[in-house]
Each structure stands twice: as structure tokens, then as C-alpha cells.
Amino acid sequence: MEVTFSDDAVREIARVAAEINSTIENIGARRLHTVLERIMDEVSFTADDFAGGKNFQVTPAYVRERVSPMLVKSDLSKYIL
């Protein structure tokens, strides 16, 4: 299996990590690690579906789909005491 990231997907990953850092708690590069973990989680568990050298392309839409729950929770966390 080969995983590739489009340039726009990389930009979206960086944007999301920065947005979450600015709305919750700025933990720097650890946030980037968390975002990447969330994106790769599904890919890791379905890797056998891509056996035989198949390619999986990470796109901005896939990034948004995988991290959207993190963004919703960040909006709500501002109102929890």
C-alpha cells in the first residue's frame, strides 16, 4: 500500500492543527501529531483493502471528513466550565 498526500491536503492538515491550537490549547506540534493520527487511523485499519501496491490519496476533503469531529468539539469546549 502506498499513501500519498496532495499538496492541498498537507496545507489543510496544517490549517486544522493551527485552528485547533488557537481555539483550545496551544500544544504546538503535538496537535499536528494528533491530527495526523486521526487521519491515518482509518487508513491503518483498512490497509489490507489496498494490498498489492494500491495507492491511497489523502485529499483535503478526506482530511476535513476525518477531523471534523475535533473541530466541532473545539467550538463547544469554549462554553464548558
PDB file of N, CA and C in Angstrom:
ATOM      1  N   MET A   1       0.844  -1.175   0.000  1.00  0.00           N
ATOM      2  CA  MET A   1       0.000   0.000   0.000  1.00  0.00           C
ATOM      3  C   MET A   1       0.885   1.233   0.000  1.00  0.00           C
ATOM      4  N   GLU A   2       0.489   2.198  -0.777  1.00  0.00           N
ATOM      5  CA  GLU A   2       1.203   3.473  -0.805  1.00  0.00           C
ATOM      6  C   GLU A   2       0.218   4.583  -0.449  1.00  0.00           C
ATOM      7  N   VAL A   3       0.607   5.421   0.497  1.00  0.00           N
ATOM      8  CA  VAL A   3      -0.224   6.550   0.909  1.00  0.00           C
ATOM      9  C   VAL A   3       0.458   7.818   0.416  1.00  0.00           C
ATOM     10  N   THR A   4      -0.301   8.630  -0.300  1.00  0.00           N
ATOM     11  CA  THR A   4       0.235   9.913  -0.763  1.00  0.00           C
ATOM     12  C   THR A   4      -0.671  11.034  -0.277  1.00  0.00           C
ATOM     13  N   PHE A   5      -0.070  12.176  -0.043  1.00  0.00           N
ATOM     14  CA  PHE A   5      -0.787  13.364   0.409  1.00  0.00           C
ATOM     15  C   PHE A   5      -0.682  14.419  -0.683  1.00  0.00           C
ATOM     16  N   SER A   6      -1.810  14.948  -1.124  1.00  0.00           N
ATOM     17  CA  SER A   6      -1.758  16.053  -2.078  1.00  0.00           C
ATOM     18  C   SER A   6      -1.229  17.290  -1.350  1.00  0.00           C
ATOM     19  N   ASP A   7      -0.686  18.228  -2.109  1.00  0.00           N
ATOM     20  CA  ASP A   7      -0.182  19.465  -1.509  1.00  0.00           C
ATOM     21  C   ASP A   7      -1.288  20.192  -0.751  1.00  0.00           C
ATOM     22  N   ASP A   8      -2.488  20.191  -1.324  1.00  0.00           N
ATOM     23  CA  ASP A   8      -3.612  20.852  -0.658  1.00  0.00           C
ATOM     24  C   ASP A   8      -4.005  20.139   0.633  1.00  0.00           C
ATOM     25  N   ALA A   9      -3.856  18.820   0.675  1.00  0.00           N
ATOM     26  CA  ALA A   9      -4.157  18.070   1.903  1.00  0.00           C
ATOM     27  C   ALA A   9      -3.164  18.427   3.003  1.00  0.00           C
ATOM     28  N   VAL A  10      -1.898  18.585   2.645  1.00  0.00           N
ATOM     29  CA  VAL A  10      -0.884  18.972   3.632  1.00  0.00           C
ATOM     30  C   VAL A  10      -1.207  20.353   4.194  1.00  0.00           C
ATOM     31  N   ARG A  11      -1.614  21.269   3.319  1.00  0.00           N
ATOM     32  CA  ARG A  11      -1.994  22.615   3.778  1.00  0.00           C
ATOM     33  C   ARG A  11      -3.205  22.552   4.705  1.00  0.00           C
ATOM     34  N   GLU A  12      -4.166  21.702   4.365  1.00  0.00           N
ATOM     35  CA  GLU A  12      -5.376  21.565   5.183  1.00  0.00           C
ATOM     36  C   GLU A  12      -5.037  20.974   6.552  1.00  0.00           C
ATOM     37  N   ILE A  13      -4.133  20.019   6.597  1.00  0.00           N
ATOM     38  CA  ILE A  13      -3.697  19.431   7.870  1.00  0.00           C
ATOM     39  C   ILE A  13      -3.074  20.518   8.741  1.00  0.00           C
ATOM     40  N   ALA A  14      -2.205  21.322   8.169  1.00  0.00           N
ATOM     41  CA  ALA A  14      -1.552  22.397   8.931  1.00  0.00           C
ATOM     42  C   ALA A  14      -2.577  23.431   9.398  1.00  0.00           C
ATOM     43  N   ARG A  15      -3.537  23.763   8.538  1.00  0.00           N
ATOM     44  CA  ARG A  15      -4.558  24.744   8.896  1.00  0.00           C
ATOM     45  C   ARG A  15      -5.407  24.247  10.061  1.00  0.00           C
ATOM     46  N   VAL A  16      -5.824  22.986   9.993  1.00  0.00           N
ATOM     47  CA  VAL A  16      -6.665  22.410  11.040  1.00  0.00           C
ATOM     48  C   VAL A  16      -5.908  22.363  12.363  1.00  0.00           C
ATOM     49  N   ALA A  17      -4.657  21.917  12.326  1.00  0.00           N
ATOM     50  CA  ALA A  17      -3.862  21.847  13.559  1.00  0.00           C
ATOM     51  C   ALA A  17      -3.716  23.234  14.184  1.00  0.00           C
ATOM     52  N   ALA A  18      -3.450  24.236  13.354  1.00  0.00           N
ATOM     53  CA  ALA A  18      -3.306  25.603  13.864  1.00  0.00           C
ATOM     54  C   ALA A  18      -4.630  26.118  14.421  1.00  0.00           C
ATOM     55  N   GLU A  19      -5.731  25.815  13.750  1.00  0.00           N
ATOM     56  CA  GLU A  19      -7.044  26.276  14.216  1.00  0.00           C
ATOM     57  C   GLU A  19      -7.397  25.661  15.568  1.00  0.00           C
ATOM     58  N   ILE A  20      -7.161  24.372  15.716  1.00  0.00           N
ATOM     59  CA  ILE A  20      -7.472  23.715  16.982  1.00  0.00           C
ATOM     60  C   ILE A  20      -6.553  24.244  18.086  1.00  0.00           C
ATOM     61  N   ASN A  21      -5.289  24.454  17.760  1.00  0.00           N
ATOM     62  CA  ASN A  21      -4.364  25.029  18.749  1.00  0.00           C
ATOM     63  C   ASN A  21      -4.831  26.400  19.213  1.00  0.00           C
ATOM     64  N   SER A  22      -5.377  27.184  18.314  1.00  0.00           N
ATOM     65  CA  SER A  22      -5.785  28.540  18.687  1.00  0.00           C
ATOM     66  C   SER A  22      -7.125  28.574  19.423  1.00  0.00           C
ATOM     67  N   THR A  23      -7.959  27.540  19.258  1.00  0.00           N
ATOM     68  CA  THR A  23      -9.273  27.564  19.899  1.00  0.00           C
ATOM     69  C   THR A  23      -9.334  26.781  21.204  1.00  0.00           C
ATOM     70  N   ILE A  24      -8.447  25.821  21.399  1.00  0.00           N
ATOM     71  CA  ILE A  24      -8.488  25.034  22.636  1.00  0.00           C
ATOM     72  C   ILE A  24      -7.274  25.382  23.488  1.00  0.00           C
ATOM     73  N   GLU A  25      -6.198  24.722  23.216  1.00  0.00           N
ATOM     74  CA  GLU A  25      -4.965  24.933  23.964  1.00  0.00           C
ATOM     75  C   GLU A  25      -3.825  24.754  22.983  1.00  0.00           C
ATOM     76  N   ASN A  26      -2.890  25.664  22.985  1.00  0.00           N
ATOM     77  CA  ASN A  26      -1.773  25.598  22.060  1.00  0.00           C
ATOM     78  C   ASN A  26      -0.740  24.615  22.587  1.00  0.00           C
ATOM     79  N   ILE A  27      -0.744  23.414  21.992  1.00  0.00           N
ATOM     80  CA  ILE A  27       0.239  22.405  22.386  1.00  0.00           C
ATOM     81  C   ILE A  27       1.247  22.157  21.268  1.00  0.00           C
ATOM     82  N   GLY A  28       1.285  23.078  20.327  1.00  0.00           N
ATOM     83  CA  GLY A  28       2.299  23.042  19.281  1.00  0.00           C
ATOM     84  C   GLY A  28       2.210  21.832  18.375  1.00  0.00           C
ATOM     85  N   ALA A  29       3.371  21.245  18.107  1.00  0.00           N
ATOM     86  CA  ALA A  29       3.469  20.147  17.149  1.00  0.00           C
ATOM     87  C   ALA A  29       2.749  18.885  17.627  1.00  0.00           C
ATOM     88  N   ARG A  30       2.513  18.776  18.921  1.00  0.00           N
ATOM     89  CA  ARG A  30       1.752  17.618  19.413  1.00  0.00           C
ATOM     90  C   ARG A  30       0.348  17.613  18.816  1.00  0.00           C
ATOM     91  N   ARG A  31      -0.192  18.789  18.558  1.00  0.00           N
ATOM     92  CA  ARG A  31      -1.515  18.870  17.930  1.00  0.00           C
ATOM     93  C   ARG A  31      -1.447  18.321  16.504  1.00  0.00           C
ATOM     94  N   LEU A  32      -0.378  18.638  15.802  1.00  0.00           N
ATOM     95  CA  LEU A  32      -0.188  18.119  14.447  1.00  0.00           C
ATOM     96  C   LEU A  32      -0.154  16.592  14.480  1.00  0.00           C
ATOM     97  N   HIS A  33       0.517  16.038  15.458  1.00  0.00           N
ATOM     98  CA  HIS A  33       0.575  14.590  15.615  1.00  0.00           C
ATOM     99  C   HIS A  33      -0.824  14.014  15.822  1.00  0.00           C
ATOM    100  N   THR A  34      -1.629  14.665  16.645  1.00  0.00           N
ATOM    101  CA  THR A  34      -2.995  14.214  16.908  1.00  0.00           C
ATOM    102  C   THR A  34      -3.838  14.243  15.640  1.00  0.00           C
ATOM    103  N   VAL A  35      -3.703  15.302  14.857  1.00  0.00           N
ATOM    104  CA  VAL A  35      -4.460  15.426  13.607  1.00  0.00           C
ATOM    105  C   VAL A  35      -4.039  14.320  12.641  1.00  0.00           C
ATOM    106  N   LEU A  36      -2.750  14.106  12.495  1.00  0.00           N
ATOM    107  CA  LEU A  36      -2.271  13.047  11.600  1.00  0.00           C
ATOM    108  C   LEU A  36      -2.735  11.668  12.067  1.00  0.00           C
ATOM    109  N   GLU A  37      -2.741  11.459  13.357  1.00  0.00           N
ATOM    110  CA  GLU A  37      -3.227  10.198  13.907  1.00  0.00           C
ATOM    111  C   GLU A  37      -4.678   9.967  13.529  1.00  0.00           C
ATOM    112  N   ARG A  38      -5.486  11.008  13.666  1.00  0.00           N
ATOM    113  CA  ARG A  38      -6.906  10.901  13.326  1.00  0.00           C
ATOM    114  C   ARG A  38      -7.086  10.595  11.835  1.00  0.00           C
ATOM    115  N   ILE A  39      -6.280  11.194  10.995  1.00  0.00           N
ATOM    116  CA  ILE A  39      -6.382  10.970   9.547  1.00  0.00           C
ATOM    117  C   ILE A  39      -5.953   9.550   9.188  1.00  0.00           C
ATOM    118  N   MET A  40      -4.867   9.091   9.782  1.00  0.00           N
ATOM    119  CA  MET A  40      -4.307   7.798   9.405  1.00  0.00           C
ATOM    120  C   MET A  40      -4.974   6.620  10.104  1.00  0.00           C
ATOM    121  N   ASP A  41      -5.771   6.865  11.115  1.00  0.00           N
ATOM    122  CA  ASP A  41      -6.423   5.806  11.871  1.00  0.00           C
ATOM    123  C   ASP A  41      -7.219   4.870  10.952  1.00  0.00           C
ATOM    124  N   GLU A  42      -8.112   5.418  10.181  1.00  0.00           N
ATOM    125  CA  GLU A  42      -8.953   4.631   9.274  1.00  0.00           C
ATOM    126  C   GLU A  42      -8.104   3.920   8.223  1.00  0.00           C
ATOM    127  N   VAL A  43      -7.120   4.606   7.692  1.00  0.00           N
ATOM    128  CA  VAL A  43      -6.250   4.023   6.669  1.00  0.00           C
ATOM    129  C   VAL A  43      -5.508   2.814   7.241  1.00  0.00           C
ATOM    130  N   SER A  44      -5.039   2.933   8.456  1.00  0.00           N
ATOM    131  CA  SER A  44      -4.292   1.834   9.091  1.00  0.00           C
ATOM    132  C   SER A  44      -5.142   0.579   9.231  1.00  0.00           C
ATOM    133  N   PHE A  45      -6.395   0.755   9.614  1.00  0.00           N
ATOM    134  CA  PHE A  45      -7.250  -0.396   9.835  1.00  0.00           C
ATOM    135  C   PHE A  45      -7.805  -0.999   8.558  1.00  0.00           C
ATOM    136  N   THR A  46      -7.755  -0.273   7.455  1.00  0.00           N
ATOM    137  CA  THR A  46      -8.252  -0.803   6.181  1.00  0.00           C
ATOM    138  C   THR A  46      -7.119  -1.026   5.186  1.00  0.00           C
ATOM    139  N   ALA A  47      -5.897  -1.064   5.656  1.00  0.00           N
ATOM    140  CA  ALA A  47      -4.738  -1.196   4.772  1.00  0.00           C
ATOM    141  C   ALA A  47      -4.794  -2.457   3.925  1.00  0.00           C
ATOM    142  N   ASP A  48      -5.341  -3.532   4.477  1.00  0.00           N
ATOM    143  CA  ASP A  48      -5.386  -4.770   3.697  1.00  0.00           C
ATOM    144  C   ASP A  48      -6.281  -4.649   2.473  1.00  0.00           C
ATOM    145  N   ASP A  49      -7.200  -3.678   2.466  1.00  0.00           N
ATOM    146  CA  ASP A  49      -8.025  -3.425   1.278  1.00  0.00           C
ATOM    147  C   ASP A  49      -7.201  -2.854   0.131  1.00  0.00           C
ATOM    148  N   PHE A  50      -6.020  -2.323   0.456  1.00  0.00           N
ATOM    149  CA  PHE A  50      -5.157  -1.697  -0.538  1.00  0.00           C
ATOM    150  C   PHE A  50      -3.927  -2.549  -0.830  1.00  0.00           C
ATOM    151  N   ALA A  51      -4.010  -3.836  -0.525  1.00  0.00           N
ATOM    152  CA  ALA A  51      -2.869  -4.730  -0.745  1.00  0.00           C
ATOM    153  C   ALA A  51      -2.547  -4.807  -2.240  1.00  0.00           C
ATOM    154  N   GLY A  52      -1.339  -5.164  -2.510  1.00  0.00           N
ATOM    155  CA  GLY A  52      -0.938  -5.302  -3.907  1.00  0.00           C
ATOM    156  C   GLY A  52      -0.463  -4.011  -4.521  1.00  0.00           C
ATOM    157  N   GLY A  53      -0.011  -3.089  -3.694  1.00  0.00           N
ATOM    158  CA  GLY A  53       0.553  -1.857  -4.219  1.00  0.00           C
ATOM    159  C   GLY A  53      -0.452  -0.791  -4.591  1.00  0.00           C
ATOM    160  N   LYS A  54      -1.681  -0.936  -4.161  1.00  0.00           N
ATOM    161  CA  LYS A  54      -2.680   0.090  -4.454  1.00  0.00           C
ATOM    162  C   LYS A  54      -2.333   1.380  -3.718  1.00  0.00           C
ATOM    163  N   ASN A  55      -2.754   2.498  -4.291  1.00  0.00           N
ATOM    164  CA  ASN A  55      -2.455   3.817  -3.742  1.00  0.00           C
ATOM    165  C   ASN A  55      -3.677   4.397  -3.036  1.00  0.00           C
ATOM    166  N   PHE A  56      -3.449   5.031  -1.914  1.00  0.00           N
ATOM    167  CA  PHE A  56      -4.497   5.778  -1.221  1.00  0.00           C
ATOM    168  C   PHE A  56      -4.079   7.235  -1.201  1.00  0.00           C
ATOM    169  N   GLN A  57      -4.890   8.082  -1.798  1.00  0.00           N
ATOM    170  CA  GLN A  57      -4.593   9.514  -1.896  1.00  0.00           C
ATOM    171  C   GLN A  57      -5.339  10.259  -0.797  1.00  0.00           C
ATOM    172  N   VAL A  58      -4.609  10.966   0.065  1.00  0.00           N
ATOM    173  CA  VAL A  58      -5.218  11.803   1.093  1.00  0.00           C
ATOM    174  C   VAL A  58      -5.480  13.166   0.457  1.00  0.00           C
ATOM    175  N   THR A  59      -6.742  13.567   0.483  1.00  0.00           N
ATOM    176  CA  THR A  59      -7.166  14.827  -0.123  1.00  0.00           C
ATOM    177  C   THR A  59      -7.656  15.777   0.967  1.00  0.00           C
ATOM    178  N   PRO A  60      -7.813  17.060   0.649  1.00  0.00           N
ATOM    179  CA  PRO A  60      -8.367  17.988   1.635  1.00  0.00           C
ATOM    180  C   PRO A  60      -9.755  17.562   2.130  1.00  0.00           C
ATOM    181  N   ALA A  61     -10.571  17.020   1.244  1.00  0.00           N
ATOM    182  CA  ALA A  61     -11.909  16.569   1.646  1.00  0.00           C
ATOM    183  C   ALA A  61     -11.815  15.423   2.649  1.00  0.00           C
ATOM    184  N   TYR A  62     -10.887  14.491   2.429  1.00  0.00           N
ATOM    185  CA  TYR A  62     -10.706  13.385   3.368  1.00  0.00           C
ATOM    186  C   TYR A  62     -10.217  13.900   4.717  1.00  0.00           C
ATOM    187  N   VAL A  63      -9.311  14.866   4.693  1.00  0.00           N
ATOM    188  CA  VAL A  63      -8.813  15.465   5.940  1.00  0.00           C
ATOM    189  C   VAL A  63      -9.973  16.078   6.712  1.00  0.00           C
ATOM    190  N   ARG A  64     -10.803  16.879   6.042  1.00  0.00           N
ATOM    191  CA  ARG A  64     -11.942  17.516   6.718  1.00  0.00           C
ATOM    192  C   ARG A  64     -12.917  16.478   7.263  1.00  0.00           C
ATOM    193  N   GLU A  65     -13.158  15.424   6.497  1.00  0.00           N
ATOM    194  CA  GLU A  65     -14.072  14.364   6.935  1.00  0.00           C
ATOM    195  C   GLU A  65     -13.570  13.707   8.221  1.00  0.00           C
ATOM    196  N   ARG A  66     -12.280  13.438   8.285  1.00  0.00           N
ATOM    197  CA  ARG A  66     -11.715  12.728   9.438  1.00  0.00           C
ATOM    198  C   ARG A  66     -11.570  13.613  10.667  1.00  0.00           C
ATOM    199  N   VAL A  67     -11.331  14.905  10.501  1.00  0.00           N
ATOM    200  CA  VAL A  67     -11.079  15.767  11.659  1.00  0.00           C
ATOM    201  C   VAL A  67     -12.272  16.644  12.032  1.00  0.00           C
ATOM    202  N   SER A  68     -13.350  16.576  11.288  1.00  0.00           N
ATOM    203  CA  SER A  68     -14.497  17.439  11.602  1.00  0.00           C
ATOM    204  C   SER A  68     -15.013  17.245  13.027  1.00  0.00           C
ATOM    205  N   PRO A  69     -15.035  16.023  13.599  1.00  0.00           N
ATOM    206  CA  PRO A  69     -15.467  15.906  14.999  1.00  0.00           C
ATOM    207  C   PRO A  69     -14.565  16.686  15.961  1.00  0.00           C
ATOM    208  N   MET A  70     -13.292  16.770  15.660  1.00  0.00           N
ATOM    209  CA  MET A  70     -12.373  17.526  16.518  1.00  0.00           C
ATOM    210  C   MET A  70     -12.707  19.010  16.473  1.00  0.00           C
ATOM    211  N   LEU A  71     -13.111  19.499  15.312  1.00  0.00           N
ATOM    212  CA  LEU A  71     -13.428  20.920  15.156  1.00  0.00           C
ATOM    213  C   LEU A  71     -14.728  21.274  15.862  1.00  0.00           C
ATOM    214  N   VAL A  72     -15.705  20.397  15.814  1.00  0.00           N
ATOM    215  CA  VAL A  72     -16.984  20.641  16.489  1.00  0.00           C
ATOM    216  C   VAL A  72     -16.764  20.687  17.991  1.00  0.00           C
ATOM    217  N   LYS A  73     -16.011  19.738  18.508  1.00  0.00           N
ATOM    218  CA  LYS A  73     -15.760  19.700  19.944  1.00  0.00           C
ATOM    219  C   LYS A  73     -14.992  20.940  20.394  1.00  0.00           C
ATOM    220  N   SER A  74     -14.113  21.450  19.534  1.00  0.00           N
ATOM    221  CA  SER A  74     -13.354  22.632  19.932  1.00  0.00           C
ATOM    222  C   SER A  74     -14.267  23.849  20.052  1.00  0.00           C
ATOM    223  N   ASP A  75     -15.290  23.921  19.207  1.00  0.00           N
ATOM    224  CA  ASP A  75     -16.216  25.032  19.298  1.00  0.00           C
ATOM    225  C   ASP A  75     -17.025  24.955  20.591  1.00  0.00           C
ATOM    226  N   LEU A  76     -17.434  23.766  20.983  1.00  0.00           N
ATOM    227  CA  LEU A  76     -18.253  23.591  22.175  1.00  0.00           C
ATOM    228  C   LEU A  76     -17.434  23.720  23.461  1.00  0.00           C
ATOM    229  N   SER A  77     -16.152  23.376  23.388  1.00  0.00           N
ATOM    230  CA  SER A  77     -15.341  23.385  24.603  1.00  0.00           C
ATOM    231  C   SER A  77     -15.170  24.788  25.199  1.00  0.00           C
ATOM    232  N   LYS A  78     -15.371  25.814  24.396  1.00  0.00           N
ATOM    233  CA  LYS A  78     -15.257  27.188  24.902  1.00  0.00           C
ATOM    234  C   LYS A  78     -16.355  27.502  25.911  1.00  0.00           C
ATOM    235  N   TYR A  79     -17.469  26.765  25.849  1.00  0.00           N
ATOM    236  CA  TYR A  79     -18.613  27.073  26.694  1.00  0.00           C
ATOM    237  C   TYR A  79     -18.751  26.157  27.893  1.00  0.00           C
ATOM    238  N   ILE A  80     -17.844  25.195  28.036  1.00  0.00           N
ATOM    239  CA  ILE A  80     -17.886  24.273  29.167  1.00  0.00           C
ATOM    240  C   ILE A  80     -17.010  24.827  30.271  1.00  0.00           C
ATOM    241  N   LEU A  81     -17.566  24.910  31.458  1.00  0.00           N
ATOM    242  CA  LEU A  81     -16.824  25.454  32.596  1.00  0.00           C
ATOM    243  C   LEU A  81     -16.038  24.373  33.298  1.00  0.00           C
TER     244      LEU A  81
END
